[in-house]
C-alpha atoms as a PDB file:
ATOM      1  CA  MET A   1     102.868 116.200 129.959  1.00  0.00           C
ATOM      2  CA  PRO A   2     102.431 113.747 132.867  1.00  0.00           C
ATOM      3  CA  THR A   3     105.528 111.614 133.432  1.00  0.00           C
ATOM      4  CA  TRP A   4     106.209 108.756 135.864  1.00  0.00           C
ATOM      5  CA  THR A   5     109.427 106.874 136.667  1.00  0.00           C
ATOM      6  CA  ILE A   6     108.812 103.243 137.641  1.00  0.00           C
ATOM      7  CA  GLU A   7     111.589 101.829 139.844  1.00  0.00           C
ATOM      8  CA  LYS A   8     109.618  99.286 141.889  1.00  0.00           C
ATOM      9  CA  PRO A   9     106.379  97.274 141.581  1.00  0.00           C
ATOM     10  CA  GLU A  10     103.614  99.802 141.108  1.00  0.00           C
ATOM     11  CA  GLN A  11     100.152 100.322 139.621  1.00  0.00           C
ATOM     12  CA  LEU A  12      98.944 103.370 137.683  1.00  0.00           C
ATOM     13  CA  THR A  13      95.400 104.137 136.508  1.00  0.00           C
ATOM     14  CA  PHE A  14      94.648 106.629 133.731  1.00  0.00           C
ATOM     15  CA  ASP A  15      91.520 108.607 132.896  1.00  0.00           C
ATOM     16  CA  SER A  16      91.736 107.611 129.231  1.00  0.00           C
ATOM     17  CA  VAL A  17      94.242 106.317 126.671  1.00  0.00           C
ATOM     18  CA  SER A  18      93.905 107.073 122.953  1.00  0.00           C
ATOM     19  CA  ALA A  19      96.950 105.070 121.767  1.00  0.00           C
ATOM     20  CA  LEU A  20      99.594 102.899 123.400  1.00  0.00           C
ATOM     21  CA  SER A  21     103.298 102.314 122.742  1.00  0.00           C
ATOM     22  CA  VAL A  22     105.166  99.915 125.025  1.00  0.00           C
ATOM     23  CA  ARG A  23     108.755  98.717 124.658  1.00  0.00           C
ATOM     24  CA  ILE A  24     110.630  96.417 127.028  1.00  0.00           C
ATOM     25  CA  VAL A  25     113.748  94.246 126.842  1.00  0.00           C
ATOM     26  CA  ALA A  26     113.298  91.046 128.880  1.00  0.00           C
ATOM     27  CA  GLY A  27     110.660  89.504 131.118  1.00  0.00           C
ATOM     28  CA  ARG A  28     106.935  89.269 130.375  1.00  0.00           C
ATOM     29  CA  LEU A  29     104.470  91.689 128.809  1.00  0.00           C
ATOM     30  CA  ALA A  30     100.687  91.473 128.591  1.00  0.00           C
ATOM     31  CA  VAL A  31      98.640  94.070 126.687  1.00  0.00           C
ATOM     32  CA  LEU A  32      94.941  93.374 127.103  1.00  0.00           C
ATOM     33  CA  ALA A  33      91.758  94.997 125.812  1.00  0.00           C
ATOM     34  CA  SER A  34      89.432  95.968 128.646  1.00  0.00           C
ATOM     35  CA  GLU A  35      86.246  97.958 129.212  1.00  0.00           C
ATOM     36  CA  GLY A  36      87.497  99.166 132.581  1.00  0.00           C
ATOM     37  CA  PRO A  37      89.763 102.145 133.338  1.00  0.00           C
ATOM     38  CA  PRO A  38      93.136 101.981 131.542  1.00  0.00           C
ATOM     39  CA  CYS A  39      95.745 100.603 133.887  1.00  0.00           C
ATOM     40  CA  LEU A  40      99.470  99.780 134.114  1.00  0.00           C
ATOM     41  CA  GLU A  41     100.598  97.182 136.647  1.00  0.00           C
ATOM     42  CA  VAL A  42     104.297  96.451 137.134  1.00  0.00           C
ATOM     43  CA  THR A  43     104.849  93.380 139.313  1.00  0.00           C
ATOM     44  CA  ASP A  44     108.599  92.974 138.821  1.00  0.00           C
ATOM     45  CA  ILE A  45     111.306  95.337 137.606  1.00  0.00           C
ATOM     46  CA  GLY A  46     115.079  95.526 137.525  1.00  0.00           C
ATOM     47  CA  THR A  47     117.276  98.443 136.458  1.00  0.00           C
ATOM     48  CA  PRO A  48     117.182 100.950 134.853  1.00  0.00           C
ATOM     49  CA  PRO A  49     113.663 102.248 135.597  1.00  0.00           C
ATOM     50  CA  LEU A  50     110.820 102.358 133.115  1.00  0.00           C
ATOM     51  CA  LEU A  51     109.576 105.731 131.948  1.00  0.00           C
ATOM     52  CA  VAL A  52     105.850 106.349 131.516  1.00  0.00           C
ATOM     53  CA  GLU A  53     104.587 109.382 129.606  1.00  0.00           C
ATOM     54  CA  GLN A  54     101.177 110.514 128.406  1.00  0.00           C
ATOM     55  CA  ASP A  55     100.894 113.408 125.976  1.00  0.00           C
ATOM     56  CA  GLU A  56      98.105 115.941 125.636  1.00  0.00           C
ATOM     57  CA  ASN A  57      96.342 113.758 123.053  1.00  0.00           C
ATOM     58  CA  GLY A  58      96.129 110.802 125.429  1.00  0.00           C
ATOM     59  CA  ARG A  59      98.900 108.712 123.834  1.00  0.00           C
ATOM     60  CA  LEU A  60     100.594 106.570 126.480  1.00  0.00           C
ATOM     61  CA  THR A  61     104.240 105.490 126.174  1.00  0.00           C
ATOM     62  CA  VAL A  62     105.890 102.920 128.454  1.00  0.00           C
ATOM     63  CA  ALA A  63     109.550 102.286 127.637  1.00  0.00           C
ATOM     64  CA  TYR A  64     113.185 102.524 128.545  1.00  0.00           C
ATOM     65  CA  LYS A  65     114.689 105.875 127.686  1.00  0.00           C
ATOM     66  CA  ASP A  66     117.229 104.426 125.243  1.00  0.00           C
ATOM     67  CA  LEU A  67     114.956 101.874 123.544  1.00  0.00           C
ATOM     68  CA  THR A  68     113.196 103.450 120.574  1.00  0.00           C
ATOM     69  CA  TRP A  69     110.502 101.815 118.429  1.00  0.00           C
ATOM     70  CA  ASP A  70     112.663 102.019 115.297  1.00  0.00           C
ATOM     71  CA  GLY A  71     115.682 100.596 117.149  1.00  0.00           C
ATOM     72  CA  ILE A  72     114.103  97.437 118.567  1.00  0.00           C
ATOM     73  CA  LEU A  73     115.179  94.979 115.859  1.00  0.00           C
ATOM     74  CA  GLY A  74     118.774  96.255 115.971  1.00  0.00           C
ATOM     75  CA  TRP A  75     119.151  96.265 119.768  1.00  0.00           C
ATOM     76  CA  LEU A  76     122.650  95.119 120.775  1.00  0.00           C
ATOM     77  CA  ARG A  77     123.146  96.512 124.286  1.00  0.00           C
ATOM     78  CA  PRO A  78     124.043  94.104 127.109  1.00  0.00           C
ATOM     79  CA  GLY A  79     121.990  93.506 130.247  1.00  0.00           C
ATOM     80  CA  SER A  80     118.713  91.735 130.912  1.00  0.00           C
ATOM     81  CA  ARG A  81     116.521  94.651 132.100  1.00  0.00           C
ATOM     82  CA  ALA A  82     113.878  92.109 133.113  1.00  0.00           C
ATOM     83  CA  THR A  83     110.433  93.420 133.953  1.00  0.00           C
ATOM     84  CA  THR A  84     106.928  92.011 134.228  1.00  0.00           C
ATOM     85  CA  LEU A  85     104.025  94.289 133.396  1.00  0.00           C
ATOM     86  CA  THR A  86     100.387  94.263 132.348  1.00  0.00           C
ATOM     87  CA  LEU A  87      98.609  97.046 130.474  1.00  0.00           C
ATOM     88  CA  THR A  88      94.858  97.247 129.968  1.00  0.00           C
ATOM     89  CA  VAL A  89      93.427  99.764 127.497  1.00  0.00           C
ATOM     90  CA  PRO A  90      90.253 100.037 125.357  1.00  0.00           C
ATOM     91  CA  LYS A  91      89.817  97.507 122.531  1.00  0.00           C
ATOM     92  CA  ASP A  92      89.745 100.256 119.868  1.00  0.00           C
ATOM     93  CA  CYS A  93      93.088 101.661 121.045  1.00  0.00           C
ATOM     94  CA  PRO A  94      95.941 101.485 118.476  1.00  0.00           C
ATOM     95  CA  VAL A  95      98.778  99.458 120.008  1.00  0.00           C
ATOM     96  CA  GLN A  96     102.536  99.257 119.446  1.00  0.00           C
ATOM     97  CA  ALA A  97     104.243  96.529 121.482  1.00  0.00           C
ATOM     98  CA  GLY A  98     107.968  95.856 121.160  1.00  0.00           C
ATOM     99  CA  VAL A  99     110.217  93.395 122.991  1.00  0.00           C
ATOM    100  CA  ILE A 100     113.799  92.209 122.712  1.00  0.00           C
ATOM    101  CA  SER A 101     113.804  88.802 124.444  1.00  0.00           C
ATOM    102  CA  ALA A 102     110.657  89.152 126.547  1.00  0.00           C
ATOM    103  CA  SER A 103     107.536  87.087 125.886  1.00  0.00           C
ATOM    104  CA  ALA A 104     104.428  89.084 125.034  1.00  0.00           C
ATOM    105  CA  VAL A 105     100.684  88.513 124.822  1.00  0.00           C
ATOM    106  CA  VAL A 106      98.505  91.047 123.000  1.00  0.00           C
ATOM    107  CA  ALA A 107      94.784  90.260 123.221  1.00  0.00           C
ATOM    108  CA  GLY A 108      91.400  91.558 122.112  1.00  0.00           C
ATOM    109  CA  PHE A 109      92.196  94.639 120.016  1.00  0.00           C
ATOM    110  CA  GLU A 110      90.208  95.769 116.976  1.00  0.00           C
ATOM    111  CA  ASN A 111      92.104  98.750 115.571  1.00  0.00           C
ATOM    112  CA  ARG A 112      95.721  98.906 114.375  1.00  0.00           C
ATOM    113  CA  THR A 113      98.244  96.693 116.145  1.00  0.00           C
ATOM    114  CA  SER A 114     102.015  96.604 115.555  1.00  0.00           C
ATOM    115  CA  VAL A 115     104.392  94.188 117.273  1.00  0.00           C
ATOM    116  CA  LYS A 116     108.163  93.771 117.055  1.00  0.00           C
ATOM    117  CA  SER A 117     110.480  91.222 118.629  1.00  0.00           C
ATOM    118  CA  VAL A 118     114.107  90.204 118.371  1.00  0.00           C
ATOM    119  CA  SER A 119     113.974  86.749 120.003  1.00  0.00           C
ATOM    120  CA  GLY A 120     110.957  86.938 122.293  1.00  0.00           C
ATOM    121  CA  GLU A 121     107.803  84.928 121.578  1.00  0.00           C
ATOM    122  CA  ILE A 122     104.663  86.927 120.777  1.00  0.00           C
ATOM    123  CA  VAL A 123     101.075  85.674 121.027  1.00  0.00           C
ATOM    124  CA  LEU A 124      98.218  87.582 119.373  1.00  0.00           C
ATOM    125  CA  ASP A 125      94.916  86.397 120.829  1.00  0.00           C
ATOM    126  CA  GLY A 126      91.638  87.507 119.230  1.00  0.00           C
ATOM    127  CA  VAL A 127      93.239  90.507 117.529  1.00  0.00           C
ATOM    128  CA  SER A 128      91.469  91.935 114.478  1.00  0.00           C
ATOM    129  CA  GLY A 129      91.839  95.064 112.372  1.00  0.00           C
ATOM    130  CA  GLU A 130      95.220  95.792 110.764  1.00  0.00           C
ATOM    131  CA  VAL A 131      98.125  93.898 112.305  1.00  0.00           C
ATOM    132  CA  GLU A 132     101.822  94.192 111.447  1.00  0.00           C
ATOM    133  CA  ALA A 133     104.454  91.943 113.027  1.00  0.00           C
ATOM    134  CA  GLU A 134     108.240  91.829 112.635  1.00  0.00           C
ATOM    135  CA  THR A 135     110.727  89.535 114.346  1.00  0.00           C
ATOM    136  CA  VAL A 136     114.325  88.440 113.917  1.00  0.00           C
ATOM    137  CA  SER A 137     114.174  84.952 115.453  1.00  0.00           C
ATOM    138  CA  GLY A 138     111.152  85.342 117.709  1.00  0.00           C
ATOM    139  CA  ALA A 139     108.110  83.142 117.111  1.00  0.00           C
ATOM    140  CA  LEU A 140     104.673  84.616 116.469  1.00  0.00           C
ATOM    141  CA  GLU A 141     101.439  82.776 117.225  1.00  0.00           C
ATOM    142  CA  SER A 142      98.065  84.178 116.214  1.00  0.00           C
ATOM    143  CA  ARG A 143      94.866  82.758 117.698  1.00  0.00           C
ATOM    144  CA  GLY A 144      91.438  83.666 116.358  1.00  0.00           C
ATOM    145  CA  LEU A 145      92.817  86.027 113.720  1.00  0.00           C
ATOM    146  CA  ALA A 146      90.359  88.269 111.901  1.00  0.00           C
ATOM    147  CA  GLY A 147      91.265  91.162 109.648  1.00  0.00           C
ATOM    148  CA  ASP A 148      94.638  91.807 107.993  1.00  0.00           C
ATOM    149  CA  LEU A 149      97.965  90.434 109.242  1.00  0.00           C
ATOM    150  CA  SER A 150     101.406  91.028 107.764  1.00  0.00           C
ATOM    151  CA  PHE A 151     104.351  89.075 109.225  1.00  0.00           C
ATOM    152  CA  THR A 152     108.051  89.401 108.386  1.00  0.00           C
ATOM    153  CA  SER A 153     110.892  87.445 109.991  1.00  0.00           C
ATOM    154  CA  VAL A 154     114.369  86.094 109.412  1.00  0.00           C
ATOM    155  CA  ALA A 155     114.160  82.848 111.409  1.00  0.00           C
ATOM    156  CA  GLY A 156     111.021  83.201 113.494  1.00  0.00           C
ATOM    157  CA  GLU A 157     108.323  80.539 113.341  1.00  0.00           C
ATOM    158  CA  PHE A 158     104.827  81.741 112.405  1.00  0.00           C
ATOM    159  CA  THR A 159     101.685  79.898 113.509  1.00  0.00           C
ATOM    160  CA  VAL A 160      98.042  80.788 112.871  1.00  0.00           C
ATOM    161  CA  ALA A 161      95.407  78.816 114.786  1.00  0.00           C
ATOM    162  CA  GLY A 162      91.748  79.266 113.898  1.00  0.00           C
ATOM    163  CA  GLY A 163      92.305  82.252 111.621  1.00  0.00           C
ATOM    164  CA  THR A 164      89.699  83.906 109.371  1.00  0.00           C
ATOM    165  CA  PRO A 165      91.819  86.535 107.619  1.00  0.00           C
ATOM    166  CA  ARG A 166      90.812  89.090 105.018  1.00  0.00           C
ATOM    167  CA  ARG A 167      94.483  89.441 104.091  1.00  0.00           C
ATOM    168  CA  LEU A 168      97.355  87.340 105.399  1.00  0.00           C
ATOM    169  CA  ARG A 169     100.916  87.904 104.237  1.00  0.00           C
ATOM    170  CA  ALA A 170     103.949  86.137 105.703  1.00  0.00           C
ATOM    171  CA  ASN A 171     107.589  86.285 104.600  1.00  0.00           C
ATOM    172  CA  THR A 172     110.417  84.383 106.291  1.00  0.00           C
ATOM    173  CA  VAL A 173     113.915  83.308 105.393  1.00  0.00           C
ATOM    174  CA  SER A 174     114.213  80.096 107.427  1.00  0.00           C
ATOM    175  CA  GLY A 175     111.197  80.271 109.739  1.00  0.00           C
ATOM    176  CA  ARG A 176     108.487  77.623 109.460  1.00  0.00           C
ATOM    177  CA  ILE A 177     104.944  78.781 108.574  1.00  0.00           C
ATOM    178  CA  THR A 178     101.937  76.811 109.844  1.00  0.00           C
ATOM    179  CA  ALA A 179      98.412  78.098 109.232  1.00  0.00           C
ATOM    180  CA  ASP A 180      95.053  76.530 110.123  1.00  0.00           C
ATOM    181  CA  LEU A 181      92.533  78.764 108.363  1.00  0.00           C
ATOM    182  CA  GLU A 182      88.921  79.467 107.509  1.00  0.00           C
ATOM    183  CA  LEU A 183      88.926  81.456 104.282  1.00  0.00           C
ATOM    184  CA  PRO A 184      86.053  83.892 103.679  1.00  0.00           C
ATOM    185  CA  PRO A 185      85.112  84.603 100.048  1.00  0.00           C
ATOM    186  CA  THR A 186      87.264  87.739 100.046  1.00  0.00           C
ATOM    187  CA  GLY A 187      90.187  86.158 101.906  1.00  0.00           C
ATOM    188  CA  HIS A 188      93.639  86.357 100.336  1.00  0.00           C
ATOM    189  CA  VAL A 189      96.672  84.520 101.729  1.00  0.00           C
ATOM    190  CA  THR A 190     100.243  84.929 100.454  1.00  0.00           C
ATOM    191  CA  LEU A 191     103.033  82.957 102.144  1.00  0.00           C
ATOM    192  CA  HIS A 192     106.709  82.953 101.201  1.00  0.00           C
ATOM    193  CA  SER A 193     109.780  81.302 102.676  1.00  0.00           C
ATOM    194  CA  VAL A 194     113.283  80.577 101.466  1.00  0.00           C
ATOM    195  CA  SER A 195     114.115  77.453 103.498  1.00  0.00           C
ATOM    196  CA  GLY A 196     111.304  77.224 106.049  1.00  0.00           C
ATOM    197  CA  ALA A 197     108.551  74.673 105.443  1.00  0.00           C
ATOM    198  CA  ILE A 198     104.990  75.894 104.825  1.00  0.00           C
ATOM    199  CA  VAL A 199     101.974  73.895 106.006  1.00  0.00           C
ATOM    200  CA  VAL A 200      98.399  75.143 105.455  1.00  0.00           C
ATOM    201  CA  ARG A 201      95.180  73.424 106.504  1.00  0.00           C
ATOM    202  CA  LEU A 202      91.799  74.444 105.061  1.00  0.00           C
ATOM    203  CA  PRO A 203      88.227  73.133 105.498  1.00  0.00           C
ATOM    204  CA  HIS A 204      87.240  70.460 102.989  1.00  0.00           C
ATOM    205  CA  SER A 205      84.441  72.710 101.636  1.00  0.00           C
ATOM    206  CA  VAL A 206      86.510  75.860 101.085  1.00  0.00           C
ATOM    207  CA  ASP A 207      86.151  77.970  97.893  1.00  0.00           C
ATOM    208  CA  THR A 208      89.578  79.195  96.837  1.00  0.00           C
ATOM    209  CA  ASP A 209      92.118  79.372  94.043  1.00  0.00           C
ATOM    210  CA  VAL A 210      95.381  77.636  94.956  1.00  0.00           C
ATOM    211  CA  SER A 211      98.944  78.262  93.771  1.00  0.00           C
ATOM    212  CA  LEU A 212     101.728  76.323  95.541  1.00  0.00           C
ATOM    213  CA  HIS A 213     105.324  76.399  94.282  1.00  0.00           C
ATOM    214  CA  SER A 214     108.806  75.309  95.330  1.00  0.00           C
ATOM    215  CA  THR A 215     112.107  75.348  93.486  1.00  0.00           C
ATOM    216  CA  SER A 216     113.639  72.261  95.118  1.00  0.00           C
ATOM    217  CA  GLY A 217     111.258  71.279  97.937  1.00  0.00           C
ATOM    218  CA  ARG A 218     108.293  68.911  97.720  1.00  0.00           C
ATOM    219  CA  VAL A 219     104.791  70.279  97.031  1.00  0.00           C
ATOM    220  CA  ARG A 220     101.898  68.138  98.266  1.00  0.00           C
ATOM    221  CA  THR A 221      98.155  68.415  98.853  1.00  0.00           C
ATOM    222  CA  SER A 222      95.363  66.232 100.213  1.00  0.00           C
ATOM    223  CA  PHE A 223      92.735  68.081  98.127  1.00  0.00           C
ATOM    224  CA  PRO A 224      91.697  66.165  94.992  1.00  0.00           C
ATOM    225  CA  GLY A 225      91.352  67.748  91.577  1.00  0.00           C
ATOM    226  CA  LEU A 226      94.343  70.099  91.683  1.00  0.00           C
ATOM    227  CA  ASP A 227      96.969  70.032  88.944  1.00  0.00           C
ATOM    228  CA  THR A 228     100.409  68.794  90.005  1.00  0.00           C
ATOM    229  CA  SER A 229     103.568  69.372  87.972  1.00  0.00           C
ATOM    230  CA  THR A 230     107.125  68.284  88.745  1.00  0.00           C
ATOM    231  CA  ARG A 231     110.152  69.215  86.718  1.00  0.00           C
ATOM    232  CA  PRO A 232     113.739  70.205  87.577  1.00  0.00           C
ATOM    233  CA  GLY A 233     113.759  73.554  89.370  1.00  0.00           C
ATOM    234  CA  ALA A 234     109.978  73.916  89.483  1.00  0.00           C
ATOM    235  CA  LYS A 235     107.362  71.941  91.406  1.00  0.00           C
ATOM    236  CA  ALA A 236     103.801  73.156  91.669  1.00  0.00           C
ATOM    237  CA  VAL A 237     100.222  72.435  92.671  1.00  0.00           C
ATOM    238  CA  VAL A 238      97.643  74.787  91.168  1.00  0.00           C
ATOM    239  CA  GLY A 239      93.921  74.881  90.601  1.00  0.00           C
ATOM    240  CA  ARG A 240      90.555  75.771  92.071  1.00  0.00           C
ATOM    241  CA  ILE A 241      88.821  74.259  95.076  1.00  0.00           C
ATOM    242  CA  GLY A 242      85.044  74.661  95.053  1.00  0.00           C
ATOM    243  CA  GLY A 243      83.927  77.856  93.384  1.00  0.00           C
ATOM    244  CA  GLY A 244      87.107  79.807  93.929  1.00  0.00           C
ATOM    245  CA  MET A 245      86.805  83.496  94.971  1.00  0.00           C
ATOM    246  CA  ALA A 246      89.373  83.394  97.816  1.00  0.00           C
ATOM    247  CA  SER A 247      93.062  82.866  97.012  1.00  0.00           C
ATOM    248  CA  LEU A 248      95.989  80.991  98.554  1.00  0.00           C
ATOM    249  CA  SER A 249      99.559  81.342  97.327  1.00  0.00           C
ATOM    250  CA  ALA A 250     102.548  79.644  98.995  1.00  0.00           C
ATOM    251  CA  THR A 251     106.106  79.668  97.660  1.00  0.00           C
ATOM    252  CA  THR A 252     109.461  78.364  98.895  1.00  0.00           C
ATOM    253  CA  ILE A 253     112.920  77.964  97.446  1.00  0.00           C
ATOM    254  CA  SER A 254     114.222  74.816  99.144  1.00  0.00           C
ATOM    255  CA  ALA A 255     111.517  73.822 101.646  1.00  0.00           C
ATOM    256  CA  ASP A 256     108.380  71.694 101.372  1.00  0.00           C
ATOM    257  CA  VAL A 257     104.897  73.148 100.834  1.00  0.00           C
ATOM    258  CA  THR A 258     101.929  71.122 102.130  1.00  0.00           C
ATOM    259  CA  LEU A 259      98.212  71.843 101.802  1.00  0.00           C
ATOM    260  CA  LEU A 260      96.018  69.719 104.065  1.00  0.00           C
ATOM    261  CA  ARG A 261      92.243  69.200 104.056  1.00  0.00           C
ATOM    262  CA  ARG A 262      90.430  69.419 107.364  1.00  0.00           C
ATOM    263  CA  GLU A 263      87.532  66.980 107.564  1.00  0.00           C
ATOM    264  CA  GLN A 264      84.339  67.774 109.459  1.00  0.00           C
END
């Protein structure tokens, strides 16, 4: 199995890559879909070195020896381990990208994508297919979402800009959720937070069933014709916009829920 030890700025090119797993601690990470030869470029690196391995099936792993995929969210070891690297692989390549405090951009992939972060900010740009994201306090921003996205966080903020999801699920404890969406007829969105506010904006001509609830926060909408109820321990806005078909559900315990209408 080919193995490389990266101790200084360096560039590697591979014949092919069937799947990618990359894990770093601090610095900056870019994982980009490309039609060219798969490539790893490290422009800055501290200590210890990064290890690069490719198995007989073409799976490429770039990581520190003691940083496992399952151990990312519980990482407690001291030291910055700052590195800056860019990986380019085919757009149909399954991707795992994990960071501790590093910022990361993952762009253009169409297969299965998994991202994890402790406190680093992650941007998903034009990623479709099946996407899973987990953070502790790191923010996640998705641009041009298509496909399925599942997000889980303790305190991380979650933002979707220009999304057209088939399935979108987000669960946070205190992280704010903001989603600007186009809902296809089969689109289903489920958002839940304990104390983080939820704000959703939809086109004025959308067709969707709506169910918004909060135990002690305010629930508001700029769409007419929805039923609003307010009583101690239960506030809700429910109903159907247009012909229905799609669905939107948003629930909080103590935070506000707001549904906005985007005008043409």
